[in-house]
Every structure is written in structure tokens, then in C-alpha cells.
């Protein structure tokens, strides 16, 4: 029973931390273009430098 007094506030703090990180990522456009970087590796640049 004593461990619940530690685990419940710890889990609530973890949830708050996850919400803060997720909202920061959304505000800084981290989820804007998910396909662009994945497809850019497939485009070859065969022109010599």
C-alpha cells in the first residue's frame, strides 16, 4: 500500500511530461511532412560533381 503513495504521483508526473513533450512537438511542426524524408532517399542524384 505504501508503494501506491509513490507510484501514483510518479505516473501522473510522467503523463504530464508526455503531454508537454507531445504538445511541444506539435507546435514545432515535427509531424508536418512524414513522407518527404522517407521518399527523398529513393531519389538518386546521378549527375557528377
PDB file of N, CA and C in Angstrom:
ATOM      1  N   UNK A   1       0.824  -1.192   0.000  1.00  0.00           N
ATOM      2  CA  UNK A   1       0.000   0.000   0.000  1.00  0.00           C
ATOM      3  C   UNK A   1       0.867   1.255   0.000  1.00  0.00           C
ATOM      4  N   UNK A   2       2.007   1.183   0.669  1.00  0.00           N
ATOM      5  CA  UNK A   2       2.885   2.350   0.726  1.00  0.00           C
ATOM      6  C   UNK A   2       3.478   2.678  -0.639  1.00  0.00           C
ATOM      7  N   UNK A   3       3.631   1.667  -1.474  1.00  0.00           N
ATOM      8  CA  UNK A   3       4.206   1.931  -2.797  1.00  0.00           C
ATOM      9  C   UNK A   3       3.249   2.716  -3.683  1.00  0.00           C
ATOM     10  N   UNK A   4       1.950   2.620  -3.418  1.00  0.00           N
ATOM     11  CA  UNK A   4       0.987   3.397  -4.207  1.00  0.00           C
ATOM     12  C   UNK A   4       1.144   4.890  -3.977  1.00  0.00           C
ATOM     13  N   UNK A   5       1.594   5.274  -2.791  1.00  0.00           N
ATOM     14  CA  UNK A   5       1.805   6.690  -2.499  1.00  0.00           C
ATOM     15  C   UNK A   5       2.965   7.259  -3.315  1.00  0.00           C
ATOM     16  N   UNK A   6       3.823   6.402  -3.790  1.00  0.00           N
ATOM     17  CA  UNK A   6       4.941   6.834  -4.634  1.00  0.00           C
ATOM     18  C   UNK A   6       4.586   6.666  -6.110  1.00  0.00           C
ATOM     19  N   UNK A   7       3.955   5.555  -6.454  1.00  0.00           N
ATOM     20  CA  UNK A   7       3.701   5.242  -7.862  1.00  0.00           C
ATOM     21  C   UNK A   7       2.621   6.113  -8.504  1.00  0.00           C
ATOM     22  N   UNK A   8       1.600   6.466  -7.772  1.00  0.00           N
ATOM     23  CA  UNK A   8       0.530   7.285  -8.357  1.00  0.00           C
ATOM     24  C   UNK A   8       1.024   8.685  -8.714  1.00  0.00           C
ATOM     25  N   UNK A   9       1.709   9.416  -7.822  1.00  0.00           N
ATOM     26  CA  UNK A   9       2.238  10.722  -8.237  1.00  0.00           C
ATOM     27  C   UNK A   9       3.312  10.613  -9.315  1.00  0.00           C
ATOM     28  N   UNK A  10       4.086   9.539  -9.284  1.00  0.00           N
ATOM     29  CA  UNK A  10       5.108   9.345 -10.298  1.00  0.00           C
ATOM     30  C   UNK A  10       4.477   9.114 -11.668  1.00  0.00           C
ATOM     31  N   UNK A  11       3.420   8.338 -11.725  1.00  0.00           N
ATOM     32  CA  UNK A  11       2.750   8.111 -13.010  1.00  0.00           C
ATOM     33  C   UNK A  11       2.048   9.372 -13.496  1.00  0.00           C
ATOM     34  N   UNK A  12       1.486  10.155 -12.603  1.00  0.00           N
ATOM     35  CA  UNK A  12       0.871  11.422 -13.002  1.00  0.00           C
ATOM     36  C   UNK A  12       1.914  12.398 -13.534  1.00  0.00           C
ATOM     37  N   UNK A  13       3.081  12.434 -12.925  1.00  0.00           N
ATOM     38  CA  UNK A  13       4.153  13.291 -13.415  1.00  0.00           C
ATOM     39  C   UNK A  13       4.635  12.833 -14.783  1.00  0.00           C
ATOM     40  N   UNK A  14       4.688  11.538 -15.005  1.00  0.00           N
ATOM     41  CA  UNK A  14       5.081  11.005 -16.309  1.00  0.00           C
ATOM     42  C   UNK A  14       4.058  11.361 -17.381  1.00  0.00           C
ATOM     43  N   UNK A  15       2.789  11.294 -17.053  1.00  0.00           N
ATOM     44  CA  UNK A  15       1.737  11.657 -18.005  1.00  0.00           C
ATOM     45  C   UNK A  15       1.834  13.134 -18.362  1.00  0.00           C
ATOM     46  N   UNK A  16       2.068  13.986 -17.372  1.00  0.00           N
ATOM     47  CA  UNK A  16       2.213  15.421 -17.633  1.00  0.00           C
ATOM     48  C   UNK A  16       3.425  15.674 -18.512  1.00  0.00           C
ATOM     49  N   UNK A  17       4.530  14.979 -18.251  1.00  0.00           N
ATOM     50  CA  UNK A  17       5.734  15.136 -19.065  1.00  0.00           C
ATOM     51  C   UNK A  17       5.485  14.722 -20.513  1.00  0.00           C
ATOM     52  N   UNK A  18       4.777  13.617 -20.715  1.00  0.00           N
ATOM     53  CA  UNK A  18       4.473  13.147 -22.066  1.00  0.00           C
ATOM     54  C   UNK A  18       3.582  14.143 -22.791  1.00  0.00           C
ATOM     55  N   UNK A  19       2.613  14.707 -22.111  1.00  0.00           N
ATOM     56  CA  UNK A  19       1.732  15.700 -22.728  1.00  0.00           C
ATOM     57  C   UNK A  19       2.510  16.945 -23.123  1.00  0.00           C
ATOM     58  N   UNK A  20       3.442  17.377 -22.269  1.00  0.00           N
ATOM     59  CA  UNK A  20       4.257  18.560 -22.579  1.00  0.00           C
ATOM     60  C   UNK A  20       5.142  18.303 -23.790  1.00  0.00           C
ATOM     61  N   UNK A  21       5.776  17.145 -23.852  1.00  0.00           N
ATOM     62  CA  UNK A  21       6.648  16.827 -24.985  1.00  0.00           C
ATOM     63  C   UNK A  21       5.839  16.701 -26.268  1.00  0.00           C
ATOM     64  N   UNK A  22       4.687  16.083 -26.209  1.00  0.00           N
ATOM     65  CA  UNK A  22       3.846  15.936 -27.392  1.00  0.00           C
ATOM     66  C   UNK A  22       3.342  17.291 -27.886  1.00  0.00           C
ATOM     67  N   UNK A  23       2.938  18.159 -26.981  1.00  0.00           N
ATOM     68  CA  UNK A  23       2.465  19.476 -27.410  1.00  0.00           C
ATOM     69  C   UNK A  23       3.610  20.300 -27.978  1.00  0.00           C
ATOM     70  N   UNK A  24       4.809  20.167 -27.438  1.00  0.00           N
ATOM     71  CA  UNK A  24       5.968  20.865 -27.998  1.00  0.00           C
ATOM     72  C   UNK A  24       6.247  20.378 -29.419  1.00  0.00           C
ATOM     73  N   UNK A  25       6.166  19.080 -29.629  1.00  0.00           N
ATOM     74  CA  UNK A  25       6.429  18.520 -30.951  1.00  0.00           C
ATOM     75  C   UNK A  25       5.383  18.977 -31.960  1.00  0.00           C
ATOM     76  N   UNK A  26       4.146  19.078 -31.548  1.00  0.00           N
ATOM     77  CA  UNK A  26       3.090  19.525 -32.455  1.00  0.00           C
ATOM     78  C   UNK A  26       3.264  21.006 -32.789  1.00  0.00           C
ATOM     79  N   UNK A  27       3.614  21.824 -31.797  1.00  0.00           N
ATOM     80  CA  UNK A  27       3.791  23.260 -32.032  1.00  0.00           C
ATOM     81  C   UNK A  27       5.000  23.555 -32.918  1.00  0.00           C
ATOM     82  N   UNK A  28       6.023  22.723 -32.871  1.00  0.00           N
ATOM     83  CA  UNK A  28       7.237  22.962 -33.650  1.00  0.00           C
ATOM     84  C   UNK A  28       7.237  22.209 -34.973  1.00  0.00           C
ATOM     85  N   UNK A  29       6.060  21.809 -35.440  1.00  0.00           N
ATOM     86  CA  UNK A  29       5.873  21.185 -36.752  1.00  0.00           C
ATOM     87  C   UNK A  29       6.732  19.943 -36.955  1.00  0.00           C
ATOM     88  N   UNK A  30       6.846  19.118 -35.948  1.00  0.00           N
ATOM     89  CA  UNK A  30       7.599  17.886 -36.071  1.00  0.00           C
ATOM     90  C   UNK A  30       6.837  16.828 -36.872  1.00  0.00           C
ATOM     91  N   UNK A  31       5.523  16.977 -36.976  1.00  0.00           N
ATOM     92  CA  UNK A  31       4.699  15.996 -37.669  1.00  0.00           C
ATOM     93  C   UNK A  31       4.171  16.529 -38.989  1.00  0.00           C
ATOM     94  N   UNK A  32       4.820  17.552 -39.555  1.00  0.00           N
ATOM     95  CA  UNK A  32       4.325  18.180 -40.771  1.00  0.00           C
ATOM     96  C   UNK A  32       4.476  17.285 -41.995  1.00  0.00           C
ATOM     97  N   UNK A  33       5.679  16.876 -42.305  1.00  0.00           N
ATOM     98  CA  UNK A  33       5.941  16.142 -43.540  1.00  0.00           C
ATOM     99  C   UNK A  33       6.585  14.806 -43.194  1.00  0.00           C
ATOM    100  N   UNK A  34       5.779  13.783 -43.105  1.00  0.00           N
ATOM    101  CA  UNK A  34       6.302  12.469 -42.758  1.00  0.00           C
ATOM    102  C   UNK A  34       6.751  11.683 -43.980  1.00  0.00           C
ATOM    103  N   UNK A  35       6.220  11.991 -45.157  1.00  0.00           N
ATOM    104  CA  UNK A  35       6.551  11.250 -46.364  1.00  0.00           C
ATOM    105  C   UNK A  35       7.780  11.807 -47.076  1.00  0.00           C
ATOM    106  N   UNK A  36       8.033  13.090 -46.976  1.00  0.00           N
ATOM    107  CA  UNK A  36       9.122  13.716 -47.718  1.00  0.00           C
ATOM    108  C   UNK A  36      10.494  13.115 -47.439  1.00  0.00           C
ATOM    109  N   UNK A  37      10.936  13.054 -46.194  1.00  0.00           N
ATOM    110  CA  UNK A  37      12.243  12.466 -45.915  1.00  0.00           C
ATOM    111  C   UNK A  37      12.321  10.974 -46.252  1.00  0.00           C
ATOM    112  N   UNK A  38      11.207  10.276 -46.132  1.00  0.00           N
ATOM    113  CA  UNK A  38      11.215   8.841 -46.443  1.00  0.00           C
ATOM    114  C   UNK A  38      11.385   8.608 -47.936  1.00  0.00           C
ATOM    115  N   UNK A  39      10.831   9.483 -48.758  1.00  0.00           N
ATOM    116  CA  UNK A  39      10.934   9.313 -50.207  1.00  0.00           C
ATOM    117  C   UNK A  39      12.173   9.974 -50.792  1.00  0.00           C
ATOM    118  N   UNK A  40      12.774  10.902 -50.078  1.00  0.00           N
ATOM    119  CA  UNK A  40      13.933  11.605 -50.632  1.00  0.00           C
ATOM    120  C   UNK A  40      15.153  10.691 -50.733  1.00  0.00           C
ATOM    121  N   UNK A  41      15.215   9.655 -49.924  1.00  0.00           N
ATOM    122  CA  UNK A  41      16.344   8.737 -50.002  1.00  0.00           C
ATOM    123  C   UNK A  41      16.265   7.879 -51.266  1.00  0.00           C
ATOM    124  N   UNK A  42      15.073   7.744 -51.842  1.00  0.00           N
ATOM    125  CA  UNK A  42      14.905   6.938 -53.048  1.00  0.00           C
ATOM    126  C   UNK A  42      15.280   7.692 -54.323  1.00  0.00           C
ATOM    127  N   UNK A  43      15.348   9.013 -54.242  1.00  0.00           N
ATOM    128  CA  UNK A  43      15.679   9.819 -55.413  1.00  0.00           C
ATOM    129  C   UNK A  43      17.198   9.840 -55.596  1.00  0.00           C
ATOM    130  N   UNK A  44      17.668   9.295 -56.700  1.00  0.00           N
ATOM    131  CA  UNK A  44      19.098   9.253 -56.976  1.00  0.00           C
ATOM    132  C   UNK A  44      19.536  10.555 -57.643  1.00  0.00           C
ATOM    133  N   UNK A  45      20.733  10.961 -57.289  1.00  0.00           N
ATOM    134  CA  UNK A  45      21.346  12.113 -57.940  1.00  0.00           C
ATOM    135  C   UNK A  45      22.579  11.591 -58.680  1.00  0.00           C
ATOM    136  N   UNK A  46      22.378  11.234 -59.932  1.00  0.00           N
ATOM    137  CA  UNK A  46      23.452  10.594 -60.702  1.00  0.00           C
ATOM    138  C   UNK A  46      24.349  11.579 -61.443  1.00  0.00           C
ATOM    139  N   UNK A  47      24.104  12.853 -61.300  1.00  0.00           N
ATOM    140  CA  UNK A  47      24.939  13.804 -62.008  1.00  0.00           C
ATOM    141  C   UNK A  47      26.290  13.927 -61.325  1.00  0.00           C
ATOM    142  N   UNK A  48      27.397  13.916 -62.099  1.00  0.00           N
ATOM    143  CA  UNK A  48      28.717  14.028 -61.476  1.00  0.00           C
ATOM    144  C   UNK A  48      28.948  15.445 -60.958  1.00  0.00           C
ATOM    145  N   UNK A  49      29.735  15.516 -59.957  1.00  0.00           N
ATOM    146  CA  UNK A  49      30.006  16.823 -59.336  1.00  0.00           C
ATOM    147  C   UNK A  49      31.119  17.552 -60.025  1.00  0.00           C
TER     148      UNK A  49
END
